[in-house]
Amino acid sequence: MTITTEMVKELRAATGAGVLDCRKALEAAEGDFNKAVTILREKGLAAAAKKSGREAKEGLIGHYIHQGAKVGALIEVNCETDFVARTQEFQTLVRDLAMQVVAARAQYLSPDEVPAAVIEQEKAIYRAQLADEKKPEPVIERIIEGKLAKFYEEVCLLEQPFIKDSTIKVKDLIMSYIAKLGENIRVRRFVRFAVGE
């Protein structure tokens, strides 16, 4: 199949990928637009995974104050260059992440940051809940691990479903921006404020 300039333009408008990448994706997909989009997404996410190890010292401090000014958040999101930090896409991401902190009440950034004492306390609660169950110990351990994963989804920002699209996690949202902007992006820290808390 012949790949036309119009097809390349349409794919480029939809994905933001380079002209040559769009042409190669269309050729690999034999002109199928949806397959070409998938190829570009896979290529972008693979490249994003490589970039996630790079140092990120630039960025922004973002904020979100909810209507009524009773709850708000500050968040520091880093990228590699000041150029990317000033883009509309990056600023939108930072605002969305600050809104996520307010709405979803994140307490920790990732499971690594949850103190061991908190994890042990949660496990003890789950064990107490399962005490009357007549299940073998390995099964109980798997149930506890599943409940712990659910706990992380509630309290860890990167594990939470994104408030604007619950089909993806916050960490996947950030990875999509790494692919789109071509730089490593990471949340360094955040704090949530609520009147009276």
N, C-alpha and C. Protein backbone atom coordinates (compact mmCIF):
# COMPACT_ATOMS: atom_id res chain seq x y z
N MET A 1 0.84 -1.19 0.00
CA MET A 1 0.00 0.00 0.00
C MET A 1 0.88 1.24 0.00
N THR A 2 0.43 2.26 -0.74
CA THR A 2 1.16 3.52 -0.81
C THR A 2 0.79 4.39 0.38
N ILE A 3 1.81 4.90 1.06
CA ILE A 3 1.59 5.79 2.20
C ILE A 3 1.63 7.22 1.68
N THR A 4 0.51 7.91 1.79
CA THR A 4 0.42 9.28 1.27
C THR A 4 0.84 10.29 2.33
N THR A 5 1.14 11.48 1.86
CA THR A 5 1.49 12.58 2.76
C THR A 5 0.33 12.91 3.69
N GLU A 6 -0.89 12.82 3.17
CA GLU A 6 -2.08 13.08 3.99
C GLU A 6 -2.19 12.10 5.15
N MET A 7 -1.89 10.83 4.87
CA MET A 7 -1.95 9.82 5.93
C MET A 7 -0.93 10.12 7.03
N VAL A 8 0.27 10.53 6.61
CA VAL A 8 1.33 10.87 7.56
C VAL A 8 0.91 12.08 8.39
N LYS A 9 0.35 13.09 7.73
CA LYS A 9 -0.10 14.31 8.43
C LYS A 9 -1.17 13.98 9.46
N GLU A 10 -2.12 13.14 9.08
CA GLU A 10 -3.22 12.76 9.98
C GLU A 10 -2.68 12.02 11.20
N LEU A 11 -1.75 11.09 10.97
CA LEU A 11 -1.17 10.34 12.09
C LEU A 11 -0.33 11.26 12.98
N ARG A 12 0.39 12.16 12.37
CA ARG A 12 1.22 13.11 13.13
C ARG A 12 0.35 14.02 13.99
N ALA A 13 -0.77 14.48 13.45
CA ALA A 13 -1.69 15.33 14.20
C ALA A 13 -2.29 14.57 15.39
N ALA A 14 -2.56 13.30 15.20
CA ALA A 14 -3.19 12.50 16.25
C ALA A 14 -2.21 12.09 17.36
N THR A 15 -0.93 11.92 17.00
CA THR A 15 0.02 11.37 17.98
C THR A 15 1.10 12.35 18.41
N GLY A 16 1.40 13.34 17.58
CA GLY A 16 2.49 14.27 17.90
C GLY A 16 3.86 13.70 17.59
N ALA A 17 3.91 12.51 16.98
CA ALA A 17 5.19 11.88 16.63
C ALA A 17 5.80 12.57 15.42
N GLY A 18 7.08 12.33 15.19
CA GLY A 18 7.79 12.92 14.06
C GLY A 18 7.30 12.36 12.73
N VAL A 19 7.56 13.09 11.66
CA VAL A 19 7.11 12.70 10.31
C VAL A 19 7.69 11.33 9.93
N LEU A 20 8.99 11.15 10.12
CA LEU A 20 9.63 9.89 9.74
C LEU A 20 9.08 8.72 10.56
N ASP A 21 8.89 8.95 11.87
CA ASP A 21 8.32 7.90 12.72
C ASP A 21 6.92 7.53 12.27
N CYS A 22 6.12 8.55 11.89
CA CYS A 22 4.75 8.29 11.41
C CYS A 22 4.77 7.48 10.12
N ARG A 23 5.66 7.85 9.21
CA ARG A 23 5.75 7.13 7.93
C ARG A 23 6.15 5.66 8.18
N LYS A 24 7.16 5.45 9.05
CA LYS A 24 7.61 4.07 9.33
C LYS A 24 6.50 3.26 10.01
N ALA A 25 5.77 3.89 10.92
CA ALA A 25 4.68 3.19 11.60
C ALA A 25 3.57 2.81 10.62
N LEU A 26 3.24 3.72 9.72
CA LEU A 26 2.21 3.43 8.70
C LEU A 26 2.66 2.31 7.77
N GLU A 27 3.95 2.33 7.40
CA GLU A 27 4.47 1.27 6.55
C GLU A 27 4.42 -0.08 7.27
N ALA A 28 4.82 -0.09 8.55
CA ALA A 28 4.80 -1.34 9.33
C ALA A 28 3.37 -1.85 9.52
N ALA A 29 2.41 -0.91 9.62
CA ALA A 29 1.01 -1.28 9.82
C ALA A 29 0.26 -1.46 8.50
N GLU A 30 0.99 -1.36 7.39
CA GLU A 30 0.41 -1.51 6.05
C GLU A 30 -0.76 -0.56 5.83
N GLY A 31 -0.59 0.68 6.32
CA GLY A 31 -1.59 1.72 6.10
C GLY A 31 -2.73 1.76 7.11
N ASP A 32 -2.78 0.81 8.03
CA ASP A 32 -3.84 0.77 9.04
C ASP A 32 -3.55 1.83 10.10
N PHE A 33 -4.40 2.85 10.16
CA PHE A 33 -4.20 4.00 11.06
C PHE A 33 -4.13 3.57 12.52
N ASN A 34 -5.07 2.75 12.98
CA ASN A 34 -5.11 2.33 14.39
C ASN A 34 -3.89 1.49 14.78
N LYS A 35 -3.45 0.62 13.87
CA LYS A 35 -2.26 -0.18 14.14
C LYS A 35 -1.03 0.74 14.22
N ALA A 36 -0.99 1.75 13.35
CA ALA A 36 0.14 2.70 13.36
C ALA A 36 0.18 3.47 14.68
N VAL A 37 -0.98 3.87 15.18
CA VAL A 37 -1.04 4.56 16.48
C VAL A 37 -0.50 3.65 17.58
N THR A 38 -0.91 2.39 17.55
CA THR A 38 -0.44 1.42 18.55
C THR A 38 1.07 1.25 18.47
N ILE A 39 1.60 1.14 17.27
CA ILE A 39 3.05 1.00 17.08
C ILE A 39 3.78 2.20 17.66
N LEU A 40 3.28 3.40 17.38
CA LEU A 40 3.92 4.61 17.90
C LEU A 40 3.83 4.68 19.42
N ARG A 41 2.69 4.28 19.98
CA ARG A 41 2.54 4.30 21.44
C ARG A 41 3.51 3.33 22.09
N GLU A 42 3.61 2.12 21.53
CA GLU A 42 4.53 1.13 22.09
C GLU A 42 5.97 1.62 22.01
N LYS A 43 6.32 2.22 20.89
CA LYS A 43 7.67 2.74 20.71
C LYS A 43 7.93 3.88 21.70
N GLY A 44 6.95 4.74 21.88
CA GLY A 44 7.08 5.87 22.81
C GLY A 44 7.20 5.42 24.25
N LEU A 45 6.42 4.42 24.66
CA LEU A 45 6.49 3.92 26.03
C LEU A 45 7.80 3.19 26.29
N ALA A 46 8.32 2.49 25.28
CA ALA A 46 9.60 1.82 25.43
C ALA A 46 10.71 2.87 25.61
N ALA A 47 10.64 3.93 24.81
CA ALA A 47 11.63 5.01 24.94
C ALA A 47 11.47 5.70 26.28
N ALA A 48 10.25 5.87 26.73
CA ALA A 48 9.99 6.53 28.02
C ALA A 48 10.58 5.72 29.16
N ALA A 49 10.49 4.40 29.08
CA ALA A 49 11.04 3.55 30.14
C ALA A 49 12.55 3.74 30.23
N LYS A 50 13.23 3.92 29.09
CA LYS A 50 14.67 4.16 29.09
C LYS A 50 14.99 5.51 29.73
N LYS A 51 14.14 6.50 29.51
CA LYS A 51 14.38 7.85 30.02
C LYS A 51 14.11 7.98 31.50
N SER A 52 13.35 7.05 32.07
CA SER A 52 12.94 7.19 33.47
C SER A 52 14.10 7.11 34.45
N GLY A 53 15.27 6.67 34.00
CA GLY A 53 16.43 6.63 34.88
C GLY A 53 17.27 7.90 34.86
N ARG A 54 16.98 8.79 33.94
CA ARG A 54 17.78 10.01 33.82
C ARG A 54 17.46 11.01 34.93
N GLU A 55 18.42 11.87 35.23
CA GLU A 55 18.27 12.83 36.30
C GLU A 55 17.31 13.96 35.90
N ALA A 56 16.48 14.36 36.85
CA ALA A 56 15.49 15.42 36.61
C ALA A 56 15.61 16.45 37.73
N LYS A 57 16.21 17.62 37.40
CA LYS A 57 16.42 18.64 38.44
C LYS A 57 15.67 19.94 38.16
N GLU A 58 15.09 20.06 36.99
CA GLU A 58 14.27 21.24 36.69
C GLU A 58 12.82 20.91 37.02
N GLY A 59 11.91 21.79 36.73
CA GLY A 59 10.50 21.48 36.95
C GLY A 59 9.73 22.63 37.55
N LEU A 60 8.63 22.30 38.20
CA LEU A 60 7.72 23.31 38.75
C LEU A 60 7.19 22.87 40.11
N ILE A 61 6.80 23.87 40.89
CA ILE A 61 5.99 23.64 42.07
C ILE A 61 4.58 24.02 41.63
N GLY A 62 3.69 23.05 41.66
CA GLY A 62 2.32 23.30 41.26
C GLY A 62 1.40 23.35 42.47
N HIS A 63 0.23 23.90 42.26
CA HIS A 63 -0.73 23.97 43.36
C HIS A 63 -2.15 23.80 42.82
N TYR A 64 -3.02 23.41 43.73
CA TYR A 64 -4.43 23.37 43.41
C TYR A 64 -5.19 23.68 44.68
N ILE A 65 -6.06 24.66 44.63
CA ILE A 65 -6.93 25.02 45.74
C ILE A 65 -8.36 24.73 45.28
N HIS A 66 -9.04 23.85 46.02
CA HIS A 66 -10.39 23.47 45.64
C HIS A 66 -11.37 24.61 45.93
N GLN A 67 -12.43 24.64 45.17
CA GLN A 67 -13.47 25.66 45.33
C GLN A 67 -13.90 25.74 46.80
N GLY A 68 -13.96 26.95 47.31
CA GLY A 68 -14.31 27.16 48.72
C GLY A 68 -13.08 27.35 49.59
N ALA A 69 -11.90 27.10 49.02
CA ALA A 69 -10.61 27.31 49.69
C ALA A 69 -10.50 26.59 51.03
N LYS A 70 -11.07 25.39 51.12
CA LYS A 70 -10.99 24.59 52.35
C LYS A 70 -9.93 23.49 52.24
N VAL A 71 -9.54 23.16 51.02
CA VAL A 71 -8.55 22.11 50.82
C VAL A 71 -7.69 22.46 49.60
N GLY A 72 -6.40 22.14 49.71
CA GLY A 72 -5.48 22.44 48.61
C GLY A 72 -4.25 21.57 48.69
N ALA A 73 -3.38 21.69 47.68
CA ALA A 73 -2.16 20.89 47.64
C ALA A 73 -1.05 21.66 46.96
N LEU A 74 0.18 21.38 47.38
CA LEU A 74 1.39 21.82 46.70
C LEU A 74 2.11 20.56 46.25
N ILE A 75 2.72 20.61 45.07
CA ILE A 75 3.43 19.44 44.55
C ILE A 75 4.64 19.90 43.76
N GLU A 76 5.75 19.20 43.91
CA GLU A 76 6.95 19.47 43.12
C GLU A 76 7.09 18.35 42.11
N VAL A 77 7.09 18.73 40.82
CA VAL A 77 7.26 17.77 39.74
C VAL A 77 8.49 18.20 38.96
N ASN A 78 9.43 17.28 38.77
CA ASN A 78 10.69 17.59 38.11
C ASN A 78 10.76 17.01 36.72
N CYS A 79 11.51 17.69 35.87
CA CYS A 79 11.83 17.23 34.53
C CYS A 79 13.31 17.53 34.30
N GLU A 80 13.81 17.30 33.10
CA GLU A 80 15.23 17.47 32.84
C GLU A 80 15.62 18.89 32.46
N THR A 81 14.75 19.62 31.78
CA THR A 81 15.12 20.96 31.31
C THR A 81 14.05 21.99 31.63
N ASP A 82 14.49 23.23 31.73
CA ASP A 82 13.58 24.34 31.97
C ASP A 82 12.64 24.52 30.77
N PHE A 83 13.14 24.19 29.57
CA PHE A 83 12.32 24.31 28.36
C PHE A 83 11.04 23.48 28.49
N VAL A 84 11.18 22.22 28.91
CA VAL A 84 10.01 21.36 29.07
C VAL A 84 9.13 21.86 30.21
N ALA A 85 9.75 22.35 31.28
CA ALA A 85 8.98 22.84 32.44
C ALA A 85 8.05 23.99 32.05
N ARG A 86 8.41 24.74 31.03
CA ARG A 86 7.59 25.88 30.61
C ARG A 86 6.52 25.52 29.59
N THR A 87 6.49 24.27 29.14
CA THR A 87 5.49 23.89 28.14
C THR A 87 4.10 23.76 28.77
N GLN A 88 3.10 23.98 27.97
CA GLN A 88 1.71 23.87 28.43
C GLN A 88 1.39 22.44 28.88
N GLU A 89 1.93 21.45 28.16
CA GLU A 89 1.66 20.06 28.51
C GLU A 89 2.18 19.73 29.91
N PHE A 90 3.40 20.17 30.22
CA PHE A 90 3.99 19.88 31.53
C PHE A 90 3.20 20.61 32.63
N GLN A 91 2.84 21.85 32.38
CA GLN A 91 2.08 22.62 33.37
C GLN A 91 0.71 21.98 33.62
N THR A 92 0.10 21.46 32.57
CA THR A 92 -1.18 20.75 32.72
C THR A 92 -1.00 19.51 33.58
N LEU A 93 0.07 18.75 33.33
CA LEU A 93 0.35 17.56 34.13
C LEU A 93 0.52 17.93 35.60
N VAL A 94 1.29 18.97 35.88
CA VAL A 94 1.53 19.37 37.28
C VAL A 94 0.22 19.76 37.96
N ARG A 95 -0.62 20.50 37.26
CA ARG A 95 -1.91 20.90 37.85
C ARG A 95 -2.80 19.67 38.09
N ASP A 96 -2.82 18.76 37.11
CA ASP A 96 -3.62 17.54 37.28
C ASP A 96 -3.13 16.72 38.47
N LEU A 97 -1.82 16.65 38.66
CA LEU A 97 -1.28 15.89 39.78
C LEU A 97 -1.61 16.55 41.12
N ALA A 98 -1.57 17.90 41.16
CA ALA A 98 -1.96 18.60 42.39
C ALA A 98 -3.45 18.35 42.68
N MET A 99 -4.27 18.36 41.64
CA MET A 99 -5.70 18.08 41.79
C MET A 99 -5.91 16.64 42.28
N GLN A 100 -5.10 15.72 41.78
CA GLN A 100 -5.16 14.31 42.21
C GLN A 100 -4.88 14.20 43.70
N VAL A 101 -3.86 14.92 44.19
CA VAL A 101 -3.51 14.87 45.62
C VAL A 101 -4.69 15.34 46.47
N VAL A 102 -5.34 16.42 46.02
CA VAL A 102 -6.49 16.95 46.76
C VAL A 102 -7.66 15.96 46.74
N ALA A 103 -8.01 15.49 45.56
CA ALA A 103 -9.21 14.67 45.40
C ALA A 103 -9.06 13.27 45.98
N ALA A 104 -7.90 12.65 45.77
CA ALA A 104 -7.73 11.26 46.16
C ALA A 104 -7.02 11.08 47.51
N ARG A 105 -6.67 12.17 48.14
CA ARG A 105 -6.08 12.16 49.50
C ARG A 105 -4.85 11.26 49.60
N ALA A 106 -3.95 11.39 48.64
CA ALA A 106 -2.72 10.60 48.70
C ALA A 106 -1.92 10.96 49.94
N GLN A 107 -1.33 9.95 50.57
CA GLN A 107 -0.51 10.18 51.76
C GLN A 107 0.97 9.95 51.49
N TYR A 108 1.25 9.04 50.54
CA TYR A 108 2.64 8.70 50.21
C TYR A 108 2.79 8.76 48.70
N LEU A 109 4.04 8.90 48.24
CA LEU A 109 4.28 8.95 46.81
C LEU A 109 4.17 7.55 46.19
N SER A 110 4.84 6.57 46.80
CA SER A 110 4.85 5.21 46.25
C SER A 110 4.88 4.20 47.39
N PRO A 111 4.66 2.91 47.09
CA PRO A 111 4.70 1.90 48.15
C PRO A 111 6.03 1.87 48.91
N ASP A 112 7.13 2.23 48.23
CA ASP A 112 8.44 2.26 48.90
C ASP A 112 8.47 3.23 50.08
N GLU A 113 7.65 4.28 50.02
CA GLU A 113 7.68 5.31 51.05
C GLU A 113 6.74 5.03 52.23
N VAL A 114 5.92 4.00 52.13
CA VAL A 114 5.03 3.66 53.24
C VAL A 114 5.89 3.05 54.34
N PRO A 115 5.85 3.62 55.56
CA PRO A 115 6.67 3.08 56.65
C PRO A 115 6.33 1.62 56.94
N ALA A 116 7.35 0.86 57.31
CA ALA A 116 7.18 -0.57 57.60
C ALA A 116 6.15 -0.78 58.71
N ALA A 117 6.12 0.12 59.70
CA ALA A 117 5.17 -0.01 60.81
C ALA A 117 3.73 0.08 60.31
N VAL A 118 3.48 0.95 59.33
CA VAL A 118 2.14 1.10 58.76
C VAL A 118 1.75 -0.17 58.00
N ILE A 119 2.69 -0.72 57.26
CA ILE A 119 2.42 -1.95 56.50
C ILE A 119 2.12 -3.10 57.47
N GLU A 120 2.91 -3.22 58.52
CA GLU A 120 2.69 -4.29 59.50
C GLU A 120 1.34 -4.14 60.19
N GLN A 121 0.96 -2.88 60.48
CA GLN A 121 -0.34 -2.62 61.11
C GLN A 121 -1.47 -3.05 60.18
N GLU A 122 -1.35 -2.71 58.88
CA GLU A 122 -2.36 -3.12 57.91
C GLU A 122 -2.45 -4.64 57.81
N LYS A 123 -1.29 -5.30 57.77
CA LYS A 123 -1.29 -6.77 57.69
C LYS A 123 -1.96 -7.38 58.92
N ALA A 124 -1.72 -6.79 60.09
CA ALA A 124 -2.33 -7.30 61.32
C ALA A 124 -3.85 -7.16 61.26
N ILE A 125 -4.33 -6.04 60.72
CA ILE A 125 -5.77 -5.83 60.57
C ILE A 125 -6.36 -6.88 59.62
N TYR A 126 -5.68 -7.12 58.50
CA TYR A 126 -6.17 -8.10 57.53
C TYR A 126 -6.18 -9.50 58.14
N ARG A 127 -5.13 -9.84 58.92
CA ARG A 127 -5.07 -11.15 59.58
C ARG A 127 -6.24 -11.33 60.54
N ALA A 128 -6.54 -10.26 61.29
CA ALA A 128 -7.66 -10.31 62.23
C ALA A 128 -8.98 -10.52 61.49
N GLN A 129 -9.13 -9.86 60.34
CA GLN A 129 -10.34 -10.01 59.54
C GLN A 129 -10.48 -11.45 59.02
N LEU A 130 -9.35 -12.10 58.75
CA LEU A 130 -9.37 -13.44 58.17
C LEU A 130 -9.24 -14.55 59.22
N ALA A 131 -9.20 -14.18 60.50
CA ALA A 131 -8.98 -15.16 61.57
C ALA A 131 -10.02 -16.28 61.58
N ASP A 132 -11.26 -15.95 61.28
CA ASP A 132 -12.33 -16.96 61.31
C ASP A 132 -12.40 -17.81 60.04
N GLU A 133 -11.66 -17.40 59.02
CA GLU A 133 -11.65 -18.14 57.76
C GLU A 133 -10.88 -19.45 57.94
N LYS A 134 -11.38 -20.50 57.38
CA LYS A 134 -10.71 -21.80 57.45
C LYS A 134 -9.93 -22.03 56.15
N LYS A 135 -8.94 -21.17 55.93
CA LYS A 135 -8.15 -21.26 54.70
C LYS A 135 -6.70 -21.60 55.05
N PRO A 136 -5.99 -22.27 54.15
CA PRO A 136 -4.58 -22.57 54.40
C PRO A 136 -3.76 -21.26 54.45
N GLU A 137 -2.65 -21.31 55.16
CA GLU A 137 -1.80 -20.12 55.34
C GLU A 137 -1.35 -19.49 54.01
N PRO A 138 -0.92 -20.27 53.00
CA PRO A 138 -0.52 -19.65 51.73
C PRO A 138 -1.66 -18.85 51.07
N VAL A 139 -2.87 -19.35 51.19
CA VAL A 139 -4.04 -18.65 50.62
C VAL A 139 -4.27 -17.34 51.37
N ILE A 140 -4.17 -17.40 52.70
CA ILE A 140 -4.33 -16.19 53.52
C ILE A 140 -3.27 -15.16 53.15
N GLU A 141 -2.03 -15.62 52.95
CA GLU A 141 -0.95 -14.69 52.57
C GLU A 141 -1.25 -14.01 51.23
N ARG A 142 -1.77 -14.77 50.26
CA ARG A 142 -2.13 -14.17 48.96
C ARG A 142 -3.25 -13.16 49.11
N ILE A 143 -4.22 -13.47 49.96
CA ILE A 143 -5.33 -12.53 50.21
C ILE A 143 -4.79 -11.25 50.84
N ILE A 144 -3.88 -11.40 51.80
CA ILE A 144 -3.28 -10.23 52.46
C ILE A 144 -2.51 -9.39 51.45
N GLU A 145 -1.75 -10.05 50.55
CA GLU A 145 -1.00 -9.31 49.52
C GLU A 145 -1.95 -8.54 48.60
N GLY A 146 -3.07 -9.16 48.26
CA GLY A 146 -4.08 -8.49 47.42
C GLY A 146 -4.67 -7.28 48.12
N LYS A 147 -4.97 -7.43 49.42
CA LYS A 147 -5.52 -6.32 50.20
C LYS A 147 -4.49 -5.21 50.34
N LEU A 148 -3.22 -5.60 50.47
CA LEU A 148 -2.15 -4.61 50.59
C LEU A 148 -2.00 -3.82 49.28
N ALA A 149 -2.14 -4.51 48.14
CA ALA A 149 -2.08 -3.82 46.84
C ALA A 149 -3.23 -2.81 46.74
N LYS A 150 -4.40 -3.18 47.22
CA LYS A 150 -5.56 -2.27 47.22
C LYS A 150 -5.29 -1.08 48.14
N PHE A 151 -4.66 -1.33 49.29
CA PHE A 151 -4.28 -0.26 50.23
C PHE A 151 -3.35 0.73 49.54
N TYR A 152 -2.35 0.21 48.81
CA TYR A 152 -1.41 1.09 48.09
C TYR A 152 -2.14 1.95 47.07
N GLU A 153 -3.14 1.38 46.40
CA GLU A 153 -3.92 2.15 45.42
C GLU A 153 -4.67 3.30 46.08
N GLU A 154 -5.00 3.16 47.34
CA GLU A 154 -5.73 4.21 48.06
C GLU A 154 -4.81 5.30 48.59
N VAL A 155 -3.61 4.93 49.08
CA VAL A 155 -2.78 5.90 49.80
C VAL A 155 -1.53 6.36 49.05
N CYS A 156 -1.13 5.68 47.98
CA CYS A 156 0.09 6.03 47.24
C CYS A 156 -0.27 6.72 45.93
N LEU A 157 0.19 7.94 45.77
CA LEU A 157 -0.14 8.76 44.60
C LEU A 157 0.11 8.03 43.28
N LEU A 158 1.28 7.43 43.12
CA LEU A 158 1.62 6.80 41.84
C LEU A 158 0.79 5.57 41.54
N GLU A 159 0.22 4.93 42.56
CA GLU A 159 -0.59 3.73 42.37
C GLU A 159 -2.08 4.02 42.20
N GLN A 160 -2.49 5.26 42.48
CA GLN A 160 -3.92 5.60 42.42
C GLN A 160 -4.43 5.65 40.98
N PRO A 161 -5.70 5.29 40.76
CA PRO A 161 -6.31 5.52 39.45
C PRO A 161 -6.39 7.04 39.24
N PHE A 162 -6.09 7.49 38.04
CA PHE A 162 -6.11 8.92 37.72
C PHE A 162 -7.55 9.42 37.79
N ILE A 163 -7.78 10.54 38.46
CA ILE A 163 -9.14 11.03 38.69
C ILE A 163 -9.87 11.42 37.41
N LYS A 164 -9.14 11.77 36.36
CA LYS A 164 -9.80 12.16 35.10
C LYS A 164 -9.98 10.98 34.14
N ASP A 165 -9.33 9.85 34.44
CA ASP A 165 -9.45 8.66 33.61
C ASP A 165 -9.07 7.45 34.47
N SER A 166 -10.05 6.84 35.10
CA SER A 166 -9.79 5.77 36.07
C SER A 166 -9.25 4.49 35.44
N THR A 167 -9.13 4.45 34.11
CA THR A 167 -8.59 3.26 33.47
C THR A 167 -7.07 3.21 33.53
N ILE A 168 -6.44 4.34 33.91
CA ILE A 168 -4.98 4.36 34.02
C ILE A 168 -4.56 4.80 35.42
N LYS A 169 -3.39 4.36 35.84
CA LYS A 169 -2.83 4.79 37.12
C LYS A 169 -2.02 6.06 36.90
N VAL A 170 -1.77 6.78 37.99
CA VAL A 170 -1.00 8.03 37.90
C VAL A 170 0.39 7.75 37.34
N LYS A 171 1.02 6.65 37.73
CA LYS A 171 2.36 6.35 37.22
C LYS A 171 2.33 6.14 35.70
N ASP A 172 1.23 5.58 35.17
CA ASP A 172 1.10 5.40 33.72
C ASP A 172 0.87 6.73 33.02
N LEU A 173 0.13 7.62 33.67
CA LEU A 173 -0.06 8.97 33.14
C LEU A 173 1.28 9.67 33.00
N ILE A 174 2.10 9.61 34.04
CA ILE A 174 3.42 10.24 34.01
C ILE A 174 4.27 9.62 32.91
N MET A 175 4.21 8.29 32.77
CA MET A 175 4.99 7.61 31.73
C MET A 175 4.56 8.08 30.34
N SER A 176 3.26 8.34 30.15
CA SER A 176 2.79 8.82 28.84
C SER A 176 3.33 10.22 28.56
N TYR A 177 3.48 11.05 29.60
CA TYR A 177 4.06 12.38 29.41
C TYR A 177 5.56 12.29 29.14
N ILE A 178 6.24 11.32 29.75
CA ILE A 178 7.66 11.11 29.45
C ILE A 178 7.82 10.77 27.97
N ALA A 179 6.94 9.91 27.47
CA ALA A 179 6.98 9.53 26.05
C ALA A 179 6.67 10.73 25.16
N LYS A 180 5.69 11.54 25.57
CA LYS A 180 5.26 12.67 24.76
C LYS A 180 6.30 13.80 24.75
N LEU A 181 6.87 14.12 25.92
CA LEU A 181 7.77 15.27 26.04
C LEU A 181 9.24 14.90 25.84
N GLY A 182 9.56 13.60 25.89
CA GLY A 182 10.93 13.18 25.61
C GLY A 182 11.91 13.40 26.75
N GLU A 183 11.42 13.59 27.95
CA GLU A 183 12.29 13.79 29.11
C GLU A 183 11.76 12.99 30.30
N ASN A 184 12.68 12.67 31.21
CA ASN A 184 12.25 12.02 32.44
C ASN A 184 11.44 13.01 33.28
N ILE A 185 10.39 12.53 33.87
CA ILE A 185 9.52 13.35 34.74
C ILE A 185 9.30 12.55 36.01
N ARG A 186 9.44 13.22 37.15
CA ARG A 186 9.14 12.52 38.40
C ARG A 186 8.56 13.47 39.43
N VAL A 187 7.69 12.93 40.24
CA VAL A 187 7.12 13.69 41.35
C VAL A 187 8.13 13.59 42.49
N ARG A 188 8.61 14.71 42.96
CA ARG A 188 9.58 14.68 44.05
C ARG A 188 8.90 14.64 45.41
N ARG A 189 7.88 15.50 45.60
CA ARG A 189 7.18 15.55 46.89
C ARG A 189 5.86 16.30 46.74
N PHE A 190 5.01 16.13 47.73
CA PHE A 190 3.73 16.84 47.72
C PHE A 190 3.23 16.95 49.15
N VAL A 191 2.29 17.88 49.35
CA VAL A 191 1.64 18.02 50.64
C VAL A 191 0.21 18.46 50.39
N ARG A 192 -0.70 17.92 51.20
CA ARG A 192 -2.13 18.24 51.11
C ARG A 192 -2.53 19.00 52.35
N PHE A 193 -3.24 20.10 52.18
CA PHE A 193 -3.73 20.89 53.29
C PHE A 193 -5.25 20.87 53.32
N ALA A 194 -5.83 20.75 54.50
CA ALA A 194 -7.28 20.85 54.65
C ALA A 194 -7.54 21.64 55.92
N VAL A 195 -8.46 22.60 55.85
CA VAL A 195 -8.79 23.42 57.01
C VAL A 195 -9.28 22.51 58.14
N GLY A 196 -8.71 22.71 59.31
CA GLY A 196 -9.13 21.95 60.48
C GLY A 196 -8.46 20.61 60.66
N GLU A 197 -7.62 20.18 59.72
CA GLU A 197 -6.93 18.88 59.86
C GLU A 197 -5.53 19.10 60.36
